[in-house]
Amino acid sequence: MPTINWNLPKMVSRAYAPLFNSKARYIAYKGSRGSGKSEGVATKVILDVVTKPYVNWLVLRRYANTNRQSTFTLLQKVANRMGVGSLFQFNGSLPEITYKPTGQKILFRGADKPLSITSISVETGNLCRLWVEEAYQMELEESFETVDESMRGVIDDPDGFYQTVLTFNPWNERHWLKPKFFDEDTRVDNSLAITTTYKDNPFLDEDYVNRLLEMKERNPRRARVAVDGEWGVAEGLIYENTVVEKFDVKEVVKGARIVRGMDWGYGPDPTAFIEYAINTRTKDIYIYKEMYKQHMLTDEIFRWLYVHGYQQGDIRADYANGGDRMIQELKNKGISGMKRAHKYEIMFGVTYLQDFKIHVLPALEHTIEELNSYVYDTDKEGGWVGKAVDKNNHLMDAMRYAAEPLIMTRKSTTDRMEAFKQLGLGR
């Protein structure tokens, strides 16, 4: 067995000390990108298993299949960095991690498979630790409660205790996590609520920090969450009638029209693709597919579209800034349904979509982020004006392009657009 010589202050930031010295039942960390939340908790998971023979961990994400490439891989990396990787058996197919000296487990599950959680049992010790990663993606408090309540039973160790740790980016102040863990008047007993930022992570390189600081200049509203770790403010949102929830795609497409849109980018702007079902009878939009990636060349975009089965079917795309060339190149390669989106007033399309309730699958993190940061612009006095801020809107633009066949077939389109201009609602 290797000699373990850990110096925690050198391994994790001081901001994460409560993870290692607090017995609070709940510890909720909201924070910015690059704040080191996940690395800090992963270190705690490994340390707890090695030093506390009664501890088994359950690592939870909204969807089970997202654990393998995120939390499982991170824990394997952290265990190796801590010098104890050889003491663990890493089973990536389940996924599952076993501490070989005692048989303690680190188990991985998704909130989309609740039965697999309530039936969990361990042979050694107790299932008494829960890590909810990307907790913001859990749209229902009831889903969290179901899992949390499964953490029960008598711990034989006299110093043993149950603990749940939650980590997330706080994109919208309306989320149930805020009143449950952060609001003074409503938060649960025996809990800690902590906010961390990139400043709490001394291991970041200068280039990454500079990109975060640039975001504060380019898009202060987005930076409020992504850089400062504060709650996203709902005031001024363009699409207020939105809900993040699980739905059956096969059901929602019935009686609806499937539409797709693309917005081109390279770097720093991404290429973005969105697909959703729009039901004009019930006034519902169900977004179930996104692609959001920087530095994509034409061949890479073609491969992604081909692999995902988009050789046929309309895809409305921006034609400006080289878009026409991209559209033609993709058509030549076999994406026959690529079409250029017409040029029309942005708010004309926005107001059409505002008539719908927008449902988004929890896995679509970029769509959720943009919906929660796409806002009206302001004048010099800070008052809202009738146009959208032209930032962090790649999927929002693609969503508008996708709906164009429905928007542009409305009667008297030209007259309506002219009326928009007269009202000051154009570009």
Protein backbone atom coordinates (compact mmCIF):
# COMPACT_ATOMS: atom_id res chain seq x y z
CA MET A 1 0.00 0.00 0.00
CA PRO A 2 1.51 3.37 -1.00
CA THR A 3 2.41 5.90 1.65
CA ILE A 4 -0.26 8.59 1.82
CA ASN A 5 1.08 12.06 2.55
CA TRP A 6 -1.60 14.61 1.77
CA ASN A 7 -1.33 18.35 2.30
CA LEU A 8 -4.91 19.53 1.74
CA PRO A 9 -4.17 23.30 1.75
CA LYS A 10 -1.90 22.71 -1.25
CA MET A 11 -4.41 20.44 -2.99
CA VAL A 12 -7.58 22.53 -2.76
CA SER A 13 -8.46 26.18 -2.28
CA ARG A 14 -9.31 27.53 1.17
CA ALA A 15 -12.84 28.20 -0.13
CA TYR A 16 -13.48 24.45 -0.07
CA ALA A 17 -12.31 23.88 3.52
CA PRO A 18 -15.94 23.34 4.68
CA LEU A 19 -16.03 20.20 2.56
CA PHE A 20 -13.40 18.68 4.83
CA ASN A 21 -14.16 20.11 8.26
CA SER A 22 -17.94 20.60 8.36
CA LYS A 23 -20.52 17.97 9.34
CA ALA A 24 -23.41 20.02 7.94
CA ARG A 25 -26.12 17.83 6.44
CA TYR A 26 -26.11 19.91 3.24
CA ILE A 27 -23.34 21.90 1.60
CA ALA A 28 -24.42 23.82 -1.52
CA TYR A 29 -21.75 25.41 -3.70
CA LYS A 30 -22.88 27.75 -6.43
CA GLY A 31 -20.18 29.40 -8.44
CA SER A 32 -18.62 30.62 -11.60
CA ARG A 33 -16.82 28.72 -14.28
CA GLY A 34 -13.32 27.73 -13.31
CA SER A 35 -14.03 28.08 -9.59
CA GLY A 36 -12.79 24.55 -8.87
CA LYS A 37 -16.07 23.27 -7.39
CA SER A 38 -15.97 19.85 -9.02
CA GLU A 39 -12.27 19.31 -8.35
CA GLY A 40 -12.78 20.22 -4.69
CA VAL A 41 -15.66 17.80 -4.21
CA ALA A 42 -13.87 15.02 -6.11
CA THR A 43 -10.95 15.41 -3.70
CA LYS A 44 -13.35 15.07 -0.77
CA VAL A 45 -14.93 11.95 -2.27
CA ILE A 46 -11.57 10.17 -2.54
CA LEU A 47 -10.37 11.36 0.88
CA ASP A 48 -13.61 10.28 2.59
CA VAL A 49 -13.47 6.78 1.16
CA VAL A 50 -9.80 6.28 2.08
CA THR A 51 -10.03 7.72 5.60
CA LYS A 52 -13.59 6.81 6.71
CA PRO A 53 -14.31 3.05 6.42
CA TYR A 54 -18.08 3.53 6.76
CA VAL A 55 -18.45 5.94 3.82
CA ASN A 56 -19.86 5.06 0.40
CA TRP A 57 -20.67 7.79 -2.11
CA LEU A 58 -23.49 8.21 -4.60
CA VAL A 59 -22.69 10.65 -7.42
CA LEU A 60 -25.82 11.97 -9.11
CA ARG A 61 -26.40 13.90 -12.31
CA ARG A 62 -29.63 14.68 -14.11
CA TYR A 63 -28.94 12.02 -16.74
CA ALA A 64 -27.13 8.76 -15.98
CA ASN A 65 -25.20 8.67 -19.25
CA THR A 66 -23.45 11.98 -18.54
CA ASN A 67 -21.54 10.61 -15.53
CA ARG A 68 -19.12 8.42 -17.45
CA GLN A 69 -17.41 11.27 -19.30
CA SER A 70 -17.60 13.76 -16.45
CA THR A 71 -17.62 12.78 -12.77
CA PHE A 72 -16.23 9.25 -13.26
CA THR A 73 -13.31 10.49 -15.35
CA LEU A 74 -12.68 13.37 -12.93
CA LEU A 75 -12.57 11.06 -9.89
CA GLN A 76 -10.15 8.74 -11.65
CA LYS A 77 -7.88 11.69 -12.44
CA VAL A 78 -8.08 13.07 -8.89
CA ALA A 79 -7.37 9.67 -7.30
CA ASN A 80 -4.25 9.31 -9.44
CA ARG A 81 -3.16 12.84 -8.62
CA MET A 82 -3.59 12.08 -4.90
CA GLY A 83 -1.33 9.07 -5.31
CA VAL A 84 -3.97 6.43 -4.49
CA GLY A 85 -5.24 5.50 -7.95
CA SER A 86 -3.82 1.97 -7.60
CA LEU A 87 -6.02 1.40 -4.54
CA PHE A 88 -9.18 1.76 -6.59
CA GLN A 89 -10.79 -0.41 -9.22
CA PHE A 90 -12.35 1.75 -11.94
CA ASN A 91 -15.17 0.05 -13.83
CA GLY A 92 -16.06 2.43 -16.64
CA SER A 93 -18.79 0.26 -18.15
CA LEU A 94 -21.14 0.53 -15.17
CA PRO A 95 -19.66 3.07 -14.14
CA GLU A 96 -18.53 2.23 -10.59
CA ILE A 97 -15.43 2.72 -8.46
CA THR A 98 -14.41 0.28 -5.72
CA TYR A 99 -11.88 0.92 -2.96
CA LYS A 100 -9.99 -2.38 -3.07
CA PRO A 101 -8.77 -2.58 0.57
CA THR A 102 -12.32 -2.50 2.00
CA GLY A 103 -14.83 -2.84 -0.84
CA GLN A 104 -16.32 0.65 -0.30
CA LYS A 105 -18.06 2.02 -3.37
CA ILE A 106 -18.45 5.20 -5.36
CA LEU A 107 -21.67 4.70 -7.34
CA PHE A 108 -22.99 6.77 -10.24
CA ARG A 109 -26.62 7.28 -11.12
CA GLY A 110 -28.95 9.65 -12.95
CA ALA A 111 -32.13 11.28 -11.69
CA ASP A 112 -33.77 10.01 -14.89
CA LYS A 113 -33.63 6.47 -13.45
CA PRO A 114 -35.08 6.81 -9.93
CA LEU A 115 -35.70 3.08 -9.43
CA SER A 116 -31.99 2.39 -9.80
CA ILE A 117 -31.40 4.73 -6.85
CA THR A 118 -34.00 3.59 -4.34
CA SER A 119 -32.83 -0.02 -4.64
CA ILE A 120 -29.11 0.69 -4.02
CA SER A 121 -27.38 -1.29 -1.29
CA VAL A 122 -23.72 -1.55 -0.30
CA GLU A 123 -21.88 -4.44 1.36
CA THR A 124 -19.40 -2.38 3.37
CA GLY A 125 -20.36 0.60 5.50
CA ASN A 126 -23.22 2.94 4.65
CA LEU A 127 -24.42 4.84 1.61
CA CYS A 128 -24.20 8.13 3.47
CA ARG A 129 -22.68 10.64 1.05
CA LEU A 130 -24.39 12.20 -1.97
CA TRP A 131 -22.82 14.51 -4.55
CA VAL A 132 -25.29 16.21 -6.91
CA GLU A 133 -23.20 17.59 -9.76
CA GLU A 134 -24.74 20.21 -12.07
CA ALA A 135 -27.66 20.37 -9.65
CA TYR A 136 -29.17 23.25 -11.64
CA GLN A 137 -30.17 20.72 -14.32
CA MET A 138 -32.55 19.03 -11.86
CA GLU A 139 -35.72 20.89 -12.72
CA LEU A 140 -37.88 19.38 -9.98
CA GLU A 141 -37.20 19.63 -6.27
CA GLU A 142 -39.18 16.41 -5.84
CA SER A 143 -36.58 14.50 -7.84
CA PHE A 144 -33.86 15.65 -5.49
CA GLU A 145 -35.98 14.83 -2.43
CA THR A 146 -36.59 11.28 -3.67
CA VAL A 147 -32.86 10.62 -3.92
CA ASP A 148 -31.96 12.45 -0.72
CA GLU A 149 -34.53 10.48 1.28
CA SER A 150 -32.94 7.22 0.14
CA MET A 151 -29.88 8.16 2.21
CA ARG A 152 -30.96 6.65 5.51
CA GLY A 153 -30.10 4.00 8.08
CA VAL A 154 -28.06 3.74 11.26
CA ILE A 155 -24.34 4.42 10.90
CA ASP A 156 -22.30 2.11 13.14
CA ASP A 157 -19.38 4.51 13.42
CA PRO A 158 -20.07 6.81 16.43
CA ASP A 159 -18.54 9.72 14.53
CA GLY A 160 -20.38 8.95 11.32
CA PHE A 161 -22.79 11.35 9.64
CA TYR A 162 -24.82 11.82 6.45
CA GLN A 163 -23.91 14.59 4.04
CA THR A 164 -25.13 15.86 0.68
CA VAL A 165 -23.02 18.19 -1.47
CA LEU A 166 -24.49 20.12 -4.39
CA THR A 167 -22.50 21.99 -7.06
CA PHE A 168 -23.90 24.13 -9.86
CA ASN A 169 -23.85 27.33 -11.91
CA PRO A 170 -26.79 29.54 -10.82
CA TRP A 171 -28.28 30.54 -14.17
CA ASN A 172 -31.70 31.69 -12.94
CA GLU A 173 -32.80 33.05 -9.59
CA ARG A 174 -36.17 31.32 -10.00
CA HIS A 175 -34.69 27.85 -9.51
CA TRP A 176 -35.80 25.85 -6.45
CA LEU A 177 -32.19 25.64 -5.26
CA LYS A 178 -32.23 29.30 -4.24
CA PRO A 179 -35.01 29.21 -1.62
CA LYS A 180 -34.03 25.75 -0.43
CA PHE A 181 -30.36 26.45 0.30
CA PHE A 182 -29.52 30.13 -0.15
CA ASP A 183 -32.42 32.36 1.00
CA GLU A 184 -32.09 33.17 4.69
CA ASP A 185 -35.80 32.82 5.49
CA THR A 186 -36.47 29.53 3.72
CA ARG A 187 -33.27 27.50 3.57
CA VAL A 188 -33.18 24.08 5.20
CA ASP A 189 -31.66 23.57 8.64
CA ASN A 190 -28.12 22.31 9.13
CA SER A 191 -26.94 23.57 5.75
CA LEU A 192 -24.14 25.70 4.35
CA ALA A 193 -24.54 27.87 1.25
CA ILE A 194 -21.30 29.05 -0.35
CA THR A 195 -20.46 31.03 -3.49
CA THR A 196 -17.09 30.62 -5.18
CA THR A 197 -15.52 32.23 -8.23
CA TYR A 198 -12.44 31.86 -10.39
CA LYS A 199 -10.60 33.90 -7.74
CA ASP A 200 -10.93 30.91 -5.40
CA ASN A 201 -9.02 28.68 -7.81
CA PRO A 202 -5.27 29.39 -7.69
CA PHE A 203 -4.61 26.69 -10.29
CA LEU A 204 -6.10 28.54 -13.29
CA ASP A 205 -3.81 29.71 -16.05
CA GLU A 206 -3.62 33.39 -16.98
CA ASP A 207 -5.18 32.91 -20.42
CA TYR A 208 -8.34 31.36 -18.94
CA VAL A 209 -8.67 34.17 -16.39
CA ASN A 210 -8.26 36.78 -19.12
CA ARG A 211 -11.09 35.20 -21.13
CA LEU A 212 -13.35 35.40 -18.10
CA LEU A 213 -12.47 39.05 -17.55
CA GLU A 214 -13.17 39.80 -21.21
CA MET A 215 -16.65 38.34 -20.72
CA LYS A 216 -17.33 40.97 -18.04
CA GLU A 217 -16.72 43.62 -20.70
CA ARG A 218 -18.56 41.89 -23.57
CA ASN A 219 -21.56 40.49 -21.73
CA PRO A 220 -21.96 41.68 -18.12
CA ARG A 221 -25.25 39.83 -17.64
CA ARG A 222 -23.77 36.47 -18.59
CA ALA A 223 -20.63 37.25 -16.57
CA ARG A 224 -22.78 37.78 -13.48
CA VAL A 225 -23.19 34.00 -13.37
CA ALA A 226 -20.24 32.64 -15.33
CA VAL A 227 -17.61 34.92 -13.77
CA ASP A 228 -19.04 36.25 -10.48
CA GLY A 229 -21.06 33.18 -9.47
CA GLU A 230 -24.17 35.24 -8.70
CA TRP A 231 -27.75 34.28 -9.46
CA GLY A 232 -28.92 35.06 -12.97
CA VAL A 233 -31.53 37.80 -12.78
CA ALA A 234 -34.84 37.08 -14.51
CA GLU A 235 -35.64 40.77 -15.05
CA GLY A 236 -35.55 41.81 -18.69
CA LEU A 237 -35.57 38.30 -20.14
CA ILE A 238 -36.94 38.12 -23.66
CA TYR A 239 -38.38 34.62 -23.31
CA GLU A 240 -39.98 34.53 -19.86
CA ASN A 241 -42.38 31.65 -20.45
CA THR A 242 -39.80 28.87 -20.39
CA VAL A 243 -39.52 25.65 -18.42
CA VAL A 244 -36.68 23.15 -18.15
CA GLU A 245 -38.22 19.70 -17.91
CA LYS A 246 -38.11 16.16 -19.17
CA PHE A 247 -40.58 15.25 -21.93
CA ASP A 248 -41.16 12.41 -24.38
CA VAL A 249 -39.94 13.58 -27.78
CA LYS A 250 -42.05 10.98 -29.59
CA GLU A 251 -45.16 12.42 -27.95
CA VAL A 252 -44.51 16.14 -28.34
CA VAL A 253 -43.84 15.88 -32.08
CA LYS A 254 -47.36 14.60 -32.66
CA GLY A 255 -49.40 17.40 -34.18
CA ALA A 256 -46.33 19.64 -34.23
CA ARG A 257 -43.93 20.80 -36.88
CA ILE A 258 -40.25 19.90 -36.56
CA VAL A 259 -37.96 22.81 -37.40
CA ARG A 260 -34.19 23.27 -37.41
CA GLY A 261 -31.86 26.26 -37.50
CA MET A 262 -28.13 27.00 -37.66
CA ASP A 263 -25.95 29.95 -36.81
CA TRP A 264 -22.38 30.01 -38.08
CA GLY A 265 -19.29 30.75 -36.05
CA TYR A 266 -15.71 29.71 -35.58
CA GLY A 267 -13.97 31.37 -32.67
CA PRO A 268 -14.78 32.76 -30.21
CA ASP A 269 -18.35 32.50 -31.54
CA PRO A 270 -19.55 28.90 -31.93
CA THR A 271 -21.39 27.15 -34.71
CA ALA A 272 -24.84 26.44 -33.26
CA PHE A 273 -27.63 24.07 -34.30
CA ILE A 274 -31.07 23.68 -32.76
CA GLU A 275 -34.02 21.38 -33.44
CA TYR A 276 -37.44 21.61 -31.86
CA ALA A 277 -41.10 20.81 -32.27
CA ILE A 278 -43.44 23.79 -32.54
CA ASN A 279 -47.14 23.26 -31.97
CA THR A 280 -49.14 26.21 -33.27
CA ARG A 281 -52.39 24.81 -31.88
CA THR A 282 -51.30 24.45 -28.24
CA LYS A 283 -48.72 27.26 -28.48
CA ASP A 284 -45.86 25.09 -27.22
CA ILE A 285 -42.25 24.76 -28.33
CA TYR A 286 -40.27 21.66 -27.28
CA ILE A 287 -36.50 21.99 -27.76
CA TYR A 288 -34.76 18.62 -27.74
CA LYS A 289 -31.54 18.93 -29.74
CA GLU A 290 -28.60 21.32 -29.75
CA MET A 291 -25.07 21.52 -31.08
CA TYR A 292 -22.74 24.25 -29.87
CA LYS A 293 -19.07 24.08 -30.77
CA GLN A 294 -16.20 26.38 -31.61
CA HIS A 295 -13.60 26.02 -34.38
CA MET A 296 -15.68 23.74 -36.60
CA LEU A 297 -14.63 23.50 -40.23
CA THR A 298 -17.06 22.67 -43.03
CA ASP A 299 -16.11 18.98 -43.07
CA GLU A 300 -16.68 18.69 -39.31
CA ILE A 301 -20.09 20.36 -39.56
CA PHE A 302 -21.02 18.03 -42.41
CA ARG A 303 -19.96 14.95 -40.43
CA TRP A 304 -21.98 16.04 -37.41
CA LEU A 305 -25.10 16.65 -39.52
CA TYR A 306 -24.62 13.38 -41.41
CA VAL A 307 -24.08 11.25 -38.30
CA HIS A 308 -27.17 12.73 -36.67
CA GLY A 309 -29.32 12.01 -39.72
CA TYR A 310 -29.83 15.48 -41.18
CA GLN A 311 -29.10 14.67 -44.82
CA GLN A 312 -32.67 15.68 -45.62
CA GLY A 313 -35.22 18.01 -44.07
CA ASP A 314 -35.12 21.79 -43.90
CA ILE A 315 -32.36 23.51 -41.96
CA ARG A 316 -32.61 27.30 -42.02
CA ALA A 317 -29.25 29.01 -41.66
CA ASP A 318 -27.81 32.49 -41.50
CA TYR A 319 -26.48 33.62 -44.88
CA ALA A 320 -24.46 36.65 -43.74
CA ASN A 321 -20.68 36.74 -43.18
CA GLY A 322 -19.89 33.79 -45.40
CA GLY A 323 -23.04 31.88 -44.55
CA ASP A 324 -24.07 31.53 -48.19
CA ARG A 325 -20.81 29.75 -48.93
CA MET A 326 -21.28 27.39 -45.97
CA ILE A 327 -24.82 26.59 -47.05
CA GLN A 328 -23.75 25.78 -50.61
CA GLU A 329 -20.75 23.69 -49.50
CA LEU A 330 -22.94 21.59 -47.19
CA LYS A 331 -25.54 21.13 -49.91
CA ASN A 332 -22.81 19.97 -52.28
CA LYS A 333 -21.69 17.42 -49.71
CA GLY A 334 -25.19 15.96 -49.34
CA ILE A 335 -27.10 18.03 -46.76
CA SER A 336 -29.85 18.73 -49.26
CA GLY A 337 -32.21 20.61 -46.94
CA MET A 338 -29.89 23.53 -46.16
CA LYS A 339 -31.65 26.83 -46.88
CA ARG A 340 -30.72 30.44 -46.33
CA ALA A 341 -32.79 32.29 -43.76
CA HIS A 342 -34.40 35.50 -45.04
CA LYS A 343 -33.36 38.85 -43.70
CA TYR A 344 -36.12 40.29 -41.56
CA GLU A 345 -36.41 42.27 -38.38
CA ILE A 346 -35.11 40.36 -35.37
CA MET A 347 -37.92 41.45 -33.05
CA PHE A 348 -40.49 40.43 -35.66
CA GLY A 349 -39.35 36.83 -35.22
CA VAL A 350 -38.85 37.20 -31.46
CA THR A 351 -42.40 38.41 -30.84
CA TYR A 352 -43.75 35.47 -32.82
CA LEU A 353 -41.86 33.03 -30.59
CA GLN A 354 -42.89 34.91 -27.44
CA ASP A 355 -46.44 33.66 -28.00
CA PHE A 356 -45.29 30.13 -27.17
CA LYS A 357 -44.37 28.35 -23.97
CA ILE A 358 -40.84 27.03 -24.43
CA HIS A 359 -39.98 23.61 -22.97
CA VAL A 360 -36.30 22.57 -22.89
CA LEU A 361 -34.73 19.21 -22.04
CA PRO A 362 -32.41 19.54 -19.02
CA ALA A 363 -29.43 18.16 -20.96
CA LEU A 364 -29.35 21.15 -23.32
CA GLU A 365 -27.08 23.30 -21.18
CA HIS A 366 -26.19 25.86 -23.86
CA THR A 367 -29.81 26.47 -24.82
CA ILE A 368 -30.74 26.87 -21.16
CA GLU A 369 -27.87 29.28 -20.64
CA GLU A 370 -28.85 31.46 -23.59
CA LEU A 371 -32.55 31.50 -22.67
CA ASN A 372 -31.51 32.75 -19.22
CA SER A 373 -29.23 35.50 -20.54
CA TYR A 374 -31.03 36.67 -23.70
CA VAL A 375 -32.40 40.05 -22.66
CA TYR A 376 -33.71 43.36 -23.89
CA ASP A 377 -31.18 46.12 -24.40
CA THR A 378 -31.15 49.22 -22.21
CA ASP A 379 -30.76 52.92 -22.86
CA LYS A 380 -28.29 55.25 -21.16
CA GLU A 381 -30.61 55.62 -18.18
CA GLY A 382 -30.90 51.85 -17.74
CA GLY A 383 -34.44 51.55 -19.08
CA TRP A 384 -35.43 48.63 -21.29
CA VAL A 385 -35.75 49.27 -25.01
CA GLY A 386 -37.56 47.23 -27.65
CA LYS A 387 -34.65 45.25 -29.05
CA ALA A 388 -32.49 42.34 -27.97
CA VAL A 389 -28.89 42.59 -26.83
CA ASP A 390 -26.74 41.13 -29.61
CA LYS A 391 -24.65 38.88 -27.35
CA ASN A 392 -24.72 35.23 -26.30
CA ASN A 393 -27.51 34.60 -28.79
CA HIS A 394 -26.22 31.99 -31.22
CA LEU A 395 -28.86 29.39 -30.38
CA MET A 396 -31.46 32.11 -29.99
CA ASP A 397 -30.76 33.25 -33.54
CA ALA A 398 -30.85 29.65 -34.77
CA MET A 399 -34.19 29.17 -33.01
CA ARG A 400 -35.57 32.18 -34.84
CA TYR A 401 -34.24 31.00 -38.22
CA ALA A 402 -35.82 27.59 -37.63
CA ALA A 403 -39.29 29.07 -37.19
CA GLU A 404 -39.01 31.19 -40.30
CA PRO A 405 -41.31 29.00 -42.49
CA LEU A 406 -44.10 29.65 -39.99
CA ILE A 407 -43.25 33.30 -39.41
CA MET A 408 -42.95 34.26 -43.06
CA THR A 409 -46.17 32.55 -44.18
CA ARG A 410 -48.33 34.80 -42.04
CA LYS A 411 -50.62 37.07 -44.00
CA SER A 412 -49.46 40.59 -44.76
CA THR A 413 -45.92 39.85 -43.63
CA THR A 414 -44.53 42.94 -45.36
CA ASP A 415 -47.11 45.20 -43.74
CA ARG A 416 -46.49 43.70 -40.32
CA MET A 417 -42.76 44.17 -40.62
CA GLU A 418 -43.20 47.77 -41.69
CA ALA A 419 -45.42 48.35 -38.67
CA PHE A 420 -42.64 46.96 -36.49
CA LYS A 421 -40.21 49.46 -37.90
CA GLN A 422 -42.62 52.31 -37.25
CA LEU A 423 -42.88 51.21 -33.63
CA GLY A 424 -39.12 51.16 -33.26
CA LEU A 425 -38.99 47.38 -32.87
CA GLY A 426 -36.65 46.65 -35.74
CA ARG A 427 -32.92 46.18 -35.83
